[in-house]
């Protein structure tokens, strides 16, 4: 009888460990790249092996009849065609299985959507210039991006749902257009509430920083936990990420020490089936602090 019990234990223990391992959510790291020339190339960012998604920041001008403008800070000048050289880097990232998205908006810029037809026109422009459409002047060359990120912090709040639906409709042309968003953690986000209500977003990285009512503060994760539970229960998205500053210098507040992220925040967040990982602002600060390298195995 003892030997049979031992044999049974030898069978059950691996099964139990397998179940426990599979029931724990695992994720990846997304990072914003493009707003500091000192952060290194896009290729070196992907070669680091730390990220599953890289978001190019930003398309700072669009909508209301304006010609869209790409702003990658010190990396290249789109007005002279200088950003077309990034096509090779983008394709190199994608060859590694890393998704490359283009972010709309940001904290500085000139953008708004004036009507439903305006939103549809912006979607058409994006398709022709960054995806599978055709244009005589593609800012990033022949590379086809994986999706569009909404980091809407300025301008009007209307018609981003129309933009989301219009962009999503292009997925029917053969290659999926991924949609992501970076709302502020107070729920609902003033600018992105309508867009997120469409249920079309694949990734939502909530900015749990520069927002004291819903961020980590001095060893206390209570506010962040409450906000995380709200977002994961109310937002219909495939995966939701914890958006964080990659160093204390990257934001005014909300920085979480890597050890605290690993010991307190991630165990809490991984209880949700929607957990997707963490998002870092931004690559430059991550290079300085190696935040992604410190937490990669835990995410």
Protein backbone atom coordinates (compact mmCIF):
# COMPACT_ATOMS: atom_id res chain seq x y z
CA UNK A 1 0.00 0.00 0.00
CA UNK A 2 2.82 2.39 0.86
CA UNK A 3 4.49 1.78 -2.47
CA UNK A 4 1.24 2.42 -4.32
CA UNK A 5 0.77 5.69 -2.44
CA UNK A 6 4.31 6.71 -3.34
CA UNK A 7 3.70 5.92 -6.99
CA UNK A 8 0.47 7.91 -6.93
CA UNK A 9 2.29 10.87 -5.37
CA UNK A 10 4.95 10.75 -8.06
CA UNK A 11 2.20 11.03 -10.67
CA UNK A 12 0.09 13.68 -8.95
CA UNK A 13 2.83 16.06 -7.86
CA UNK A 14 4.02 16.91 -11.41
CA UNK A 15 0.37 17.33 -12.50
CA UNK A 16 -0.28 19.69 -9.60
CA UNK A 17 2.83 21.72 -10.34
CA UNK A 18 1.85 21.91 -14.00
CA UNK A 19 -1.63 23.15 -13.06
CA UNK A 20 -0.26 25.78 -10.70
CA UNK A 21 2.23 26.99 -13.31
CA UNK A 22 -0.37 27.21 -16.06
CA UNK A 23 -2.83 29.05 -13.80
CA UNK A 24 -0.39 31.89 -13.16
CA UNK A 25 -0.67 34.65 -15.75
CA UNK A 26 2.52 35.52 -17.59
CA UNK A 27 3.08 38.68 -19.54
CA UNK A 28 5.56 40.80 -21.42
CA UNK A 29 6.97 44.31 -21.50
CA UNK A 30 5.90 47.08 -23.88
CA UNK A 31 8.00 50.23 -24.22
CA UNK A 32 7.65 53.62 -25.86
CA UNK A 33 10.50 54.58 -28.18
CA UNK A 34 11.13 57.71 -30.20
CA UNK A 35 11.15 60.73 -27.91
CA UNK A 36 14.83 60.89 -26.99
CA UNK A 37 17.74 60.57 -29.40
CA UNK A 38 19.91 59.22 -26.58
CA UNK A 39 17.86 56.04 -26.17
CA UNK A 40 19.62 54.16 -28.96
CA UNK A 41 18.29 52.82 -32.22
CA UNK A 42 15.04 50.98 -32.71
CA UNK A 43 17.02 47.90 -33.70
CA UNK A 44 19.09 47.97 -30.50
CA UNK A 45 15.86 48.32 -28.52
CA UNK A 46 14.51 45.12 -30.04
CA UNK A 47 17.89 43.38 -29.86
CA UNK A 48 17.86 43.84 -26.07
CA UNK A 49 15.40 40.97 -25.82
CA UNK A 50 13.44 42.76 -23.10
CA UNK A 51 10.32 43.79 -25.01
CA UNK A 52 7.43 42.13 -26.80
CA UNK A 53 5.94 45.39 -28.10
CA UNK A 54 7.62 48.65 -29.10
CA UNK A 55 5.47 51.76 -29.55
CA UNK A 56 6.80 54.51 -31.83
CA UNK A 57 6.02 57.90 -30.28
CA UNK A 58 4.34 59.97 -31.69
CA UNK A 59 2.14 61.12 -34.56
CA UNK A 60 1.65 64.51 -32.94
CA UNK A 61 -0.48 66.25 -35.58
CA UNK A 62 -3.62 64.80 -37.18
CA UNK A 63 -7.31 65.43 -37.65
CA UNK A 64 -9.41 68.51 -38.36
CA UNK A 65 -8.11 68.61 -41.92
CA UNK A 66 -4.45 68.93 -40.91
CA UNK A 67 -1.67 67.04 -42.64
CA UNK A 68 -0.50 64.38 -40.15
CA UNK A 69 3.01 64.90 -38.76
CA UNK A 70 5.32 62.23 -37.36
CA UNK A 71 7.60 63.42 -34.54
CA UNK A 72 10.39 61.05 -33.49
CA UNK A 73 12.36 63.78 -31.74
CA UNK A 74 16.10 63.54 -32.43
CA UNK A 75 15.98 60.27 -34.36
CA UNK A 76 15.03 61.46 -37.84
CA UNK A 77 13.37 64.22 -39.86
CA UNK A 78 10.23 63.02 -41.61
CA UNK A 79 10.04 66.21 -43.70
CA UNK A 80 13.21 65.23 -45.59
CA UNK A 81 12.36 61.53 -45.75
CA UNK A 82 14.88 60.76 -43.04
CA UNK A 83 12.59 58.39 -41.15
CA UNK A 84 12.25 55.99 -44.07
CA UNK A 85 15.53 54.43 -42.98
CA UNK A 86 13.66 53.01 -39.98
CA UNK A 87 11.93 50.55 -42.28
CA UNK A 88 14.80 48.09 -41.94
CA UNK A 89 14.79 48.36 -38.14
CA UNK A 90 11.03 47.84 -38.00
CA UNK A 91 11.27 44.72 -40.12
CA UNK A 92 14.16 43.43 -37.98
CA UNK A 93 12.03 43.86 -34.85
CA UNK A 94 9.09 42.07 -36.45
CA UNK A 95 11.36 39.22 -37.53
CA UNK A 96 12.03 38.65 -33.81
CA UNK A 97 8.29 38.43 -33.14
CA UNK A 98 8.12 41.94 -31.66
CA UNK A 99 5.09 44.02 -32.59
CA UNK A 100 5.76 47.61 -33.64
CA UNK A 101 2.93 50.10 -33.18
CA UNK A 102 2.58 53.81 -33.96
CA UNK A 103 1.23 55.99 -31.16
CA UNK A 104 -1.18 58.83 -31.90
CA UNK A 105 -1.13 61.92 -29.70
CA UNK A 106 1.05 62.36 -26.66
CA UNK A 107 1.24 65.18 -24.15
CA UNK A 108 2.34 67.77 -26.72
CA UNK A 109 0.90 68.24 -30.18
CA UNK A 110 -1.92 69.55 -32.34
CA UNK A 111 -4.58 66.93 -32.80
CA UNK A 112 -8.33 66.46 -32.57
CA UNK A 113 -11.10 64.78 -34.53
CA UNK A 114 -13.77 67.15 -35.76
CA UNK A 115 -16.31 64.66 -37.12
CA UNK A 116 -16.97 61.04 -37.99
CA UNK A 117 -15.81 61.62 -41.56
CA UNK A 118 -12.64 63.27 -40.22
CA UNK A 119 -11.94 60.16 -38.13
CA UNK A 120 -12.48 57.95 -41.19
CA UNK A 121 -10.11 60.13 -43.21
CA UNK A 122 -7.40 59.77 -40.54
CA UNK A 123 -7.88 55.99 -40.57
CA UNK A 124 -7.53 55.93 -44.35
CA UNK A 125 -4.36 58.03 -44.15
CA UNK A 126 -2.87 55.68 -41.56
CA UNK A 127 -3.74 52.61 -43.63
CA UNK A 128 -2.18 54.04 -46.78
CA UNK A 129 0.95 55.44 -45.14
CA UNK A 130 1.79 52.94 -42.39
CA UNK A 131 -0.03 49.71 -43.21
CA UNK A 132 -1.05 47.76 -46.30
CA UNK A 133 -2.29 50.65 -48.41
CA UNK A 134 -0.35 52.67 -50.95
CA UNK A 135 1.10 56.17 -50.78
CA UNK A 136 3.80 58.03 -52.69
CA UNK A 137 5.34 59.28 -49.45
CA UNK A 138 5.28 56.68 -46.66
CA UNK A 139 7.05 58.33 -43.67
CA UNK A 140 8.58 55.03 -42.46
CA UNK A 141 9.25 53.56 -45.87
CA UNK A 142 7.90 50.21 -47.01
CA UNK A 143 7.63 48.64 -43.55
CA UNK A 144 4.10 47.63 -42.55
CA UNK A 145 3.38 48.34 -38.90
CA UNK A 146 1.42 46.02 -36.62
CA UNK A 147 -1.00 48.50 -35.13
CA UNK A 148 -1.99 51.89 -33.76
CA UNK A 149 -1.74 53.11 -30.18
CA UNK A 150 -4.06 55.80 -28.79
CA UNK A 151 -2.30 58.11 -26.31
CA UNK A 152 -4.88 60.87 -26.47
CA UNK A 153 -4.27 63.56 -23.85
CA UNK A 154 -5.27 66.75 -25.69
CA UNK A 155 -8.03 68.15 -27.88
CA UNK A 156 -11.59 66.94 -28.16
CA UNK A 157 -12.90 63.66 -26.80
CA UNK A 158 -15.25 62.66 -29.61
CA UNK A 159 -14.97 60.33 -32.61
CA UNK A 160 -12.11 58.18 -31.36
CA UNK A 161 -14.62 55.33 -31.29
CA UNK A 162 -15.16 55.92 -35.01
CA UNK A 163 -11.42 55.96 -35.60
CA UNK A 164 -11.10 52.67 -33.71
CA UNK A 165 -13.83 51.02 -35.75
CA UNK A 166 -12.43 52.35 -39.02
CA UNK A 167 -8.92 51.10 -38.26
CA UNK A 168 -10.24 47.74 -37.10
CA UNK A 169 -12.17 47.31 -40.36
CA UNK A 170 -8.88 47.21 -42.29
CA UNK A 171 -8.07 43.91 -40.57
CA UNK A 172 -10.46 42.33 -43.05
CA UNK A 173 -7.93 43.06 -45.80
CA UNK A 174 -5.76 40.19 -44.63
CA UNK A 175 -3.41 41.45 -41.92
CA UNK A 176 -4.72 42.32 -38.49
CA UNK A 177 -4.40 45.92 -37.36
CA UNK A 178 -3.78 45.77 -33.61
CA UNK A 179 -5.23 48.52 -31.44
CA UNK A 180 -3.80 49.69 -28.12
CA UNK A 181 -4.50 52.57 -25.78
CA UNK A 182 -2.78 54.38 -22.93
CA UNK A 183 -5.52 55.84 -20.71
CA UNK A 184 -4.85 57.68 -17.47
CA UNK A 185 -5.70 55.53 -14.45
CA UNK A 186 -8.72 57.56 -13.20
CA UNK A 187 -11.68 55.64 -14.61
CA UNK A 188 -13.15 56.32 -17.10
CA UNK A 189 -10.50 58.12 -19.12
CA UNK A 190 -11.84 61.46 -20.33
CA UNK A 191 -10.41 61.18 -23.84
CA UNK A 192 -10.52 57.44 -24.48
CA UNK A 193 -13.73 56.31 -22.78
CA UNK A 194 -15.75 56.20 -26.01
CA UNK A 195 -13.02 54.38 -27.93
CA UNK A 196 -12.51 51.75 -25.23
CA UNK A 197 -16.26 51.12 -25.07
CA UNK A 198 -16.06 49.61 -28.58
CA UNK A 199 -14.37 46.50 -27.17
CA UNK A 200 -11.97 46.47 -30.14
CA UNK A 201 -8.72 47.04 -28.26
CA UNK A 202 -6.14 44.30 -28.02
CA UNK A 203 -3.91 46.02 -25.46
CA UNK A 204 -4.63 48.68 -22.86
CA UNK A 205 -1.69 50.00 -20.84
CA UNK A 206 -3.13 52.09 -18.05
CA UNK A 207 -0.88 54.95 -16.94
CA UNK A 208 -0.52 54.37 -13.21
CA UNK A 209 1.68 57.43 -12.79
CA UNK A 210 1.25 61.20 -12.47
CA UNK A 211 -2.17 60.37 -11.02
CA UNK A 212 -2.02 60.22 -7.24
CA UNK A 213 -5.60 58.97 -6.67
CA UNK A 214 -4.80 55.66 -8.39
CA UNK A 215 -1.05 55.03 -8.24
CA UNK A 216 1.53 53.42 -5.99
CA UNK A 217 2.56 55.65 -3.10
CA UNK A 218 5.34 55.09 -0.56
CA UNK A 219 5.00 51.35 -0.11
CA UNK A 220 1.20 51.35 -0.38
CA UNK A 221 -0.39 49.57 -3.35
CA UNK A 222 -3.99 50.03 -2.18
CA UNK A 223 -4.95 52.79 -4.64
CA UNK A 224 -3.24 51.05 -7.52
CA UNK A 225 -4.94 47.76 -6.63
CA UNK A 226 -8.39 49.34 -6.49
CA UNK A 227 -7.83 51.06 -9.82
CA UNK A 228 -6.43 47.90 -11.44
CA UNK A 229 -9.49 45.94 -10.34
CA UNK A 230 -11.75 48.60 -11.81
CA UNK A 231 -9.99 48.59 -15.19
CA UNK A 232 -9.82 44.82 -15.48
CA UNK A 233 -13.48 44.38 -14.54
CA UNK A 234 -14.96 47.18 -16.65
CA UNK A 235 -12.85 47.39 -19.81
CA UNK A 236 -13.42 44.88 -22.58
CA UNK A 237 -9.87 44.40 -23.88
CA UNK A 238 -7.83 41.32 -24.63
CA UNK A 239 -4.95 42.26 -22.33
CA UNK A 240 -4.41 45.07 -19.81
CA UNK A 241 -0.92 46.23 -18.81
CA UNK A 242 0.38 48.17 -15.82
CA UNK A 243 1.84 51.38 -17.22
CA UNK A 244 4.86 52.60 -15.26
CA UNK A 245 7.71 55.12 -15.41
CA UNK A 246 11.01 53.33 -16.05
CA UNK A 247 12.81 55.52 -13.51
CA UNK A 248 12.06 58.19 -10.92
CA UNK A 249 13.02 60.82 -13.51
CA UNK A 250 10.52 59.52 -16.06
CA UNK A 251 7.45 60.87 -14.23
CA UNK A 252 6.47 63.18 -11.42
CA UNK A 253 5.06 60.34 -9.33
CA UNK A 254 4.10 56.68 -9.46
CA UNK A 255 7.51 55.02 -9.76
CA UNK A 256 7.50 51.51 -8.28
CA UNK A 257 10.83 50.01 -7.14
CA UNK A 258 11.51 46.76 -9.01
CA UNK A 259 11.53 44.74 -5.79
CA UNK A 260 8.08 46.08 -4.85
CA UNK A 261 6.73 45.40 -8.32
CA UNK A 262 7.88 41.80 -8.07
CA UNK A 263 6.85 41.11 -4.49
CA UNK A 264 3.56 43.01 -4.23
CA UNK A 265 2.18 44.43 -7.48
CA UNK A 266 2.66 41.58 -9.95
CA UNK A 267 1.20 38.87 -7.66
CA UNK A 268 -1.87 41.08 -7.28
CA UNK A 269 -2.19 41.90 -10.98
CA UNK A 270 -1.67 38.35 -12.19
CA UNK A 271 -4.87 37.25 -10.49
CA UNK A 272 -6.70 38.74 -13.47
CA UNK A 273 -6.97 36.71 -16.66
CA UNK A 274 -6.61 40.02 -18.53
CA UNK A 275 -3.11 40.64 -17.19
CA UNK A 276 -0.79 41.33 -20.12
CA UNK A 277 2.39 42.63 -18.50
CA UNK A 278 3.83 46.08 -17.94
CA UNK A 279 4.33 49.12 -20.13
CA UNK A 280 7.32 51.40 -19.58
CA UNK A 281 7.72 55.09 -20.32
CA UNK A 282 10.18 55.15 -21.93
CA UNK A 283 13.14 53.42 -23.58
CA UNK A 284 15.59 56.21 -22.68
CA UNK A 285 14.82 56.00 -18.96
CA UNK A 286 14.83 52.23 -19.17
CA UNK A 287 18.35 52.33 -20.62
CA UNK A 288 19.48 54.47 -17.69
CA UNK A 289 17.78 52.40 -14.97
CA UNK A 290 17.60 48.93 -16.59
CA UNK A 291 14.12 48.57 -15.14
CA UNK A 292 13.03 46.02 -17.72
CA UNK A 293 16.17 43.97 -17.15
CA UNK A 294 15.54 43.91 -13.40
CA UNK A 295 11.95 42.64 -13.64
CA UNK A 296 11.92 40.72 -16.92
CA UNK A 297 11.84 37.23 -15.39
CA UNK A 298 8.99 38.17 -13.04
CA UNK A 299 6.70 39.85 -15.54
